[in-house]
Amino acid sequence: MVSRVTDDYLAMVMAGCVAVCEPAFWAGFDRSSPQGFHDYFCQLTDYEPRRAARYHLPHFSWLCINPKEADDLILAREVLALIPSFLTRPNVLGIGEIGLNRNTRNELAILEDHVRLAADHNQLILVHTPHLEDKWKGTRLILDLLRADPRINPARVIIDHVEEHTLRMVLDAGFWAGITLYPDSKCTPARAVDMFETAGTGRLWLNSACDWGQSDPLAVPKAALEMRRRGYPDPVIRNLILEAPRQFLTQSPNFKLNI
């Protein structure tokens, strides 16, 4: 939401959204210093929650260096050293979105550092699977790395940006699967409902993407409308849209909703 205007907060509230969970992500350009990330983490944990609160919308965040910027090992590890001091902020849910972008060795090394940090501090994990390179290969590398640390509980990890060819491998491994909705990339609401019809509701959630490019903060409400169009009853829609993510997120003591 740091890339959006306040009208988007108003539109989400009017559409029935009850919370925002914002991952640390790419800024639209590669940042060159740890200070830039420090300021960004302050924005995610201080300014943005106050901006959202003006629209009565709780704002939560995740912290990391995004995999798109993780190929610079020196910078990435300097940024990682900043994160523990922010984990006590009241809106922080965990470590994310970590993962892979081009499936490089450096990205894997920083992913492993992030996973170790999450385990050391008992944090939830949000994982980004690659778009530009082989998603299947990247997802397999991520699952293997996560399973290599015995401290990682799959029920406390969500693997995001799944598609038809990676959804089942994520669920079969015991992790949560996230379907990311975009107007013209990743997954449309209709395609997401098709995937839901294949996979069922267990450990599956939908998320809207809001960023610097073409994206839609109302994509999740639009997916709910697509489900209603297909004849799904309200309890099934509510379970996928609200109860499933709440089940996962309440594993963090910071996630509280008064609804």
Protein backbone atom coordinates (compact mmCIF):
# COMPACT_ATOMS: atom_id res chain seq x y z
CA MET A 1 0.00 0.00 0.00
CA VAL A 2 2.99 2.34 0.21
CA SER A 3 2.60 2.69 -3.58
CA ARG A 4 -1.13 3.49 -3.45
CA VAL A 5 -3.25 6.54 -2.72
CA THR A 6 -5.66 6.91 0.17
CA ASP A 7 -8.61 6.48 -2.20
CA ASP A 8 -7.65 2.80 -2.34
CA TYR A 9 -8.06 2.48 1.43
CA LEU A 10 -11.49 4.06 1.17
CA ALA A 11 -12.47 1.75 -1.70
CA MET A 12 -11.38 -1.34 0.25
CA VAL A 13 -13.37 -0.34 3.32
CA MET A 14 -16.44 0.33 1.18
CA ALA A 15 -16.02 -3.11 -0.42
CA GLY A 16 -16.00 -4.82 2.98
CA CYS A 17 -12.28 -5.43 3.52
CA VAL A 18 -11.42 -5.73 7.20
CA ALA A 19 -7.59 -5.67 7.24
CA VAL A 20 -4.50 -5.13 5.12
CA CYS A 21 -1.45 -7.39 5.42
CA GLU A 22 1.41 -5.74 3.51
CA PRO A 23 4.61 -7.63 2.69
CA ALA A 24 7.98 -5.95 2.30
CA PHE A 25 8.59 -5.82 -1.45
CA TRP A 26 10.51 -4.17 -4.25
CA ALA A 27 10.32 -0.36 -4.38
CA GLY A 28 10.18 -0.14 -8.18
CA PHE A 29 13.96 0.28 -8.21
CA ASP A 30 16.89 -1.42 -6.48
CA ARG A 31 17.78 0.30 -3.22
CA SER A 32 21.48 0.85 -2.65
CA SER A 33 21.90 1.20 1.12
CA PRO A 34 20.67 -0.33 4.38
CA GLN A 35 19.42 3.13 5.43
CA GLY A 36 16.85 3.03 2.65
CA PHE A 37 15.49 -0.23 4.03
CA HIS A 38 15.53 1.10 7.59
CA ASP A 39 13.34 4.00 6.50
CA TYR A 40 11.09 1.62 4.56
CA PHE A 41 10.63 -0.61 7.61
CA CYS A 42 9.70 2.48 9.62
CA GLN A 43 7.15 3.35 6.95
CA LEU A 44 5.64 -0.16 7.11
CA THR A 45 5.46 -0.27 10.89
CA ASP A 46 4.66 3.32 11.79
CA TYR A 47 3.39 5.63 9.05
CA GLU A 48 1.33 3.20 6.96
CA PRO A 49 -0.66 1.80 9.92
CA ARG A 50 -1.56 5.36 10.90
CA ARG A 51 -2.59 6.21 7.32
CA ALA A 52 -4.83 3.13 7.13
CA ALA A 53 -6.29 3.81 10.58
CA ARG A 54 -7.84 7.01 9.28
CA TYR A 55 -10.11 4.72 7.26
CA HIS A 56 -10.67 2.32 10.19
CA LEU A 57 -8.67 -0.39 8.38
CA PRO A 58 -6.14 -2.34 10.50
CA HIS A 59 -2.75 -2.52 8.77
CA PHE A 60 -0.26 -5.33 9.37
CA SER A 61 3.13 -5.87 7.75
CA TRP A 62 5.86 -8.38 7.02
CA LEU A 63 9.58 -7.57 6.97
CA CYS A 64 12.45 -8.77 4.77
CA ILE A 65 14.63 -7.87 1.82
CA ASN A 66 12.65 -8.93 -1.22
CA PRO A 67 14.24 -11.66 -3.40
CA LYS A 68 14.45 -9.22 -6.31
CA GLU A 69 17.12 -7.35 -4.31
CA ALA A 70 18.65 -10.36 -2.56
CA ASP A 71 21.35 -11.15 -5.11
CA ASP A 72 23.69 -8.58 -3.48
CA LEU A 73 24.88 -10.63 -0.51
CA ILE A 74 26.59 -7.78 1.33
CA LEU A 75 23.59 -5.45 1.14
CA ALA A 76 21.13 -8.22 1.90
CA ARG A 77 22.91 -9.28 5.08
CA GLU A 78 23.21 -5.68 6.25
CA VAL A 79 19.44 -5.36 5.80
CA LEU A 80 18.80 -8.64 7.59
CA ALA A 81 20.72 -7.31 10.58
CA LEU A 82 18.18 -4.47 10.87
CA ILE A 83 15.09 -6.67 11.06
CA PRO A 84 15.22 -8.05 14.64
CA SER A 85 14.82 -4.58 16.13
CA PHE A 86 11.54 -4.17 14.21
CA LEU A 87 10.00 -7.53 15.14
CA THR A 88 8.57 -6.11 18.36
CA ARG A 89 6.50 -3.51 16.47
CA PRO A 90 2.80 -4.24 17.16
CA ASN A 91 1.72 -4.67 13.53
CA VAL A 92 4.49 -7.06 12.40
CA LEU A 93 3.27 -10.54 11.38
CA GLY A 94 6.56 -12.20 10.45
CA ILE A 95 9.22 -12.53 7.77
CA GLY A 96 8.18 -11.97 4.15
CA GLU A 97 7.90 -11.91 1.31
CA ILE A 98 11.09 -13.91 1.05
CA GLY A 99 11.88 -16.46 -1.65
CA LEU A 100 13.35 -16.56 -5.12
CA ASN A 101 13.28 -14.34 -8.19
CA ARG A 102 15.73 -15.91 -10.66
CA ASN A 103 16.63 -19.02 -8.64
CA THR A 104 20.25 -17.92 -8.14
CA ARG A 105 22.68 -19.24 -5.55
CA ASN A 106 22.81 -15.85 -3.82
CA GLU A 107 19.03 -15.70 -3.60
CA LEU A 108 19.02 -19.17 -2.07
CA ALA A 109 21.65 -18.12 0.47
CA ILE A 110 19.62 -15.08 1.56
CA LEU A 111 16.44 -17.15 1.64
CA GLU A 112 18.18 -19.55 4.02
CA ASP A 113 19.29 -16.59 6.18
CA HIS A 114 15.70 -15.32 6.29
CA VAL A 115 14.36 -18.74 7.26
CA ARG A 116 16.94 -18.99 10.02
CA LEU A 117 15.95 -15.52 11.27
CA ALA A 118 12.27 -16.49 11.31
CA ALA A 119 13.00 -19.70 13.20
CA ASP A 120 15.24 -17.92 15.71
CA HIS A 121 12.44 -15.42 16.48
CA ASN A 122 9.45 -17.77 16.11
CA GLN A 123 7.96 -15.76 13.24
CA LEU A 124 5.43 -16.65 10.57
CA ILE A 125 6.85 -16.85 7.03
CA LEU A 126 5.49 -15.53 3.73
CA VAL A 127 7.28 -16.86 0.64
CA HIS A 128 7.44 -15.41 -2.90
CA THR A 129 7.76 -17.95 -5.72
CA PRO A 130 9.46 -16.79 -8.94
CA HIS A 131 7.74 -15.35 -11.98
CA LEU A 132 10.56 -14.66 -14.41
CA GLU A 133 12.34 -18.00 -14.15
CA ASP A 134 11.02 -21.53 -13.75
CA LYS A 135 8.27 -21.37 -11.10
CA TRP A 136 8.11 -25.14 -10.68
CA LYS A 137 11.87 -25.41 -10.12
CA GLY A 138 11.90 -22.40 -7.80
CA THR A 139 9.00 -23.75 -5.74
CA ARG A 140 10.75 -27.09 -5.41
CA LEU A 141 13.98 -25.39 -4.26
CA ILE A 142 12.02 -23.36 -1.70
CA LEU A 143 10.18 -26.38 -0.31
CA ASP A 144 13.42 -28.37 -0.01
CA LEU A 145 15.12 -25.50 1.83
CA LEU A 146 12.23 -25.03 4.26
CA ARG A 147 12.02 -28.75 5.03
CA ALA A 148 15.75 -28.85 5.74
CA ASP A 149 15.25 -26.81 8.94
CA PRO A 150 13.48 -28.99 11.53
CA ARG A 151 12.32 -25.89 13.40
CA ILE A 152 10.04 -24.81 10.54
CA ASN A 153 6.42 -25.84 10.95
CA PRO A 154 4.74 -25.93 7.49
CA ALA A 155 1.47 -24.79 9.06
CA ARG A 156 3.18 -21.46 9.86
CA VAL A 157 4.41 -20.85 6.30
CA ILE A 158 2.44 -19.60 3.30
CA ILE A 159 3.87 -20.16 -0.19
CA ASP A 160 2.49 -17.36 -2.34
CA HIS A 161 1.89 -16.90 -6.10
CA VAL A 162 1.02 -20.57 -6.64
CA GLU A 163 -0.36 -21.59 -10.02
CA GLU A 164 -2.04 -24.72 -11.31
CA HIS A 165 1.24 -26.61 -11.70
CA THR A 166 2.59 -25.74 -8.23
CA LEU A 167 -0.53 -25.64 -6.07
CA ARG A 168 -0.67 -29.34 -5.31
CA MET A 169 3.02 -29.72 -4.42
CA VAL A 170 2.68 -26.92 -1.85
CA LEU A 171 -0.46 -28.33 -0.24
CA ASP A 172 0.87 -31.90 -0.28
CA ALA A 173 3.95 -30.72 1.62
CA GLY A 174 1.73 -29.32 4.39
CA PHE A 175 2.24 -25.62 3.66
CA TRP A 176 -0.38 -22.93 3.04
CA ALA A 177 -0.86 -21.87 -0.58
CA GLY A 178 -1.52 -18.28 -1.63
CA ILE A 179 -3.13 -17.31 -4.94
CA THR A 180 -2.21 -13.76 -5.98
CA LEU A 181 -4.77 -11.87 -8.03
CA TYR A 182 -3.81 -9.43 -10.80
CA PRO A 183 -5.84 -7.90 -13.63
CA ASP A 184 -3.61 -9.22 -16.43
CA SER A 185 -0.85 -11.35 -14.88
CA LYS A 186 -0.46 -14.01 -12.21
CA CYS A 187 -4.12 -14.99 -11.69
CA THR A 188 -7.52 -13.49 -12.44
CA PRO A 189 -10.39 -13.89 -9.96
CA ALA A 190 -12.10 -16.39 -12.28
CA ARG A 191 -8.96 -18.49 -12.63
CA ALA A 192 -8.45 -18.38 -8.86
CA VAL A 193 -11.95 -19.76 -8.28
CA ASP A 194 -11.18 -22.52 -10.80
CA MET A 195 -8.12 -23.42 -8.71
CA PHE A 196 -10.20 -23.33 -5.53
CA GLU A 197 -12.66 -25.75 -7.11
CA THR A 198 -9.78 -28.15 -7.74
CA ALA A 199 -7.98 -27.78 -4.41
CA GLY A 200 -10.78 -27.09 -1.94
CA THR A 201 -10.55 -24.68 0.99
CA GLY A 202 -7.91 -26.32 3.15
CA ARG A 203 -4.79 -24.14 3.64
CA LEU A 204 -5.67 -21.95 0.67
CA TRP A 205 -6.15 -18.19 0.55
CA LEU A 206 -6.54 -15.41 -1.99
CA ASN A 207 -4.68 -12.12 -1.91
CA SER A 208 -4.94 -8.87 -3.86
CA ALA A 209 -1.71 -7.36 -5.16
CA CYS A 210 -1.21 -3.60 -4.86
CA ASP A 211 2.02 -2.29 -6.37
CA TRP A 212 3.63 0.14 -8.80
CA GLY A 213 2.21 -1.53 -11.89
CA GLN A 214 -1.29 -2.40 -12.97
CA SER A 215 -2.91 -4.03 -9.97
CA ASP A 216 -6.23 -4.09 -8.14
CA PRO A 217 -6.71 -3.69 -4.37
CA LEU A 218 -10.30 -4.91 -4.83
CA ALA A 219 -9.37 -8.22 -6.49
CA VAL A 220 -10.36 -10.32 -3.47
CA PRO A 221 -13.88 -8.80 -3.26
CA LYS A 222 -14.14 -9.40 -7.01
CA ALA A 223 -13.23 -13.05 -6.46
CA ALA A 224 -15.99 -13.25 -3.86
CA LEU A 225 -18.39 -11.83 -6.45
CA GLU A 226 -17.23 -14.49 -8.94
CA MET A 227 -17.95 -17.19 -6.37
CA ARG A 228 -21.40 -15.76 -5.76
CA ARG A 229 -22.01 -15.72 -9.52
CA ARG A 230 -21.18 -19.44 -9.60
CA GLY A 231 -23.70 -20.18 -6.87
CA TYR A 232 -21.46 -20.64 -3.84
CA PRO A 233 -23.26 -19.99 -0.54
CA ASP A 234 -22.06 -17.17 1.68
CA PRO A 235 -20.46 -19.46 4.34
CA VAL A 236 -18.18 -21.04 1.71
CA ILE A 237 -17.21 -17.62 0.35
CA ARG A 238 -16.59 -16.25 3.84
CA ASN A 239 -14.40 -19.24 4.70
CA LEU A 240 -12.10 -18.69 1.73
CA ILE A 241 -12.04 -14.89 1.81
CA LEU A 242 -11.86 -14.30 5.57
CA GLU A 243 -11.73 -17.34 7.82
CA ALA A 244 -8.87 -19.16 6.07
CA PRO A 245 -6.43 -16.22 6.18
CA ARG A 246 -7.54 -15.40 9.72
CA GLN A 247 -6.82 -19.00 10.76
CA PHE A 248 -3.27 -18.68 9.46
CA LEU A 249 -2.58 -15.15 10.66
CA THR A 250 -3.85 -15.61 14.22
CA GLN A 251 -0.80 -17.80 14.74
CA SER A 252 0.92 -14.42 15.18
CA PRO A 253 0.03 -12.81 18.52
CA ASN A 254 0.01 -9.44 16.76
CA PHE A 255 -2.90 -10.28 14.48
CA LYS A 256 -6.16 -9.21 16.10
CA LEU A 257 -9.46 -8.34 14.45
CA ASN A 258 -12.48 -7.03 16.32
CA ILE A 259 -15.10 -8.55 14.05
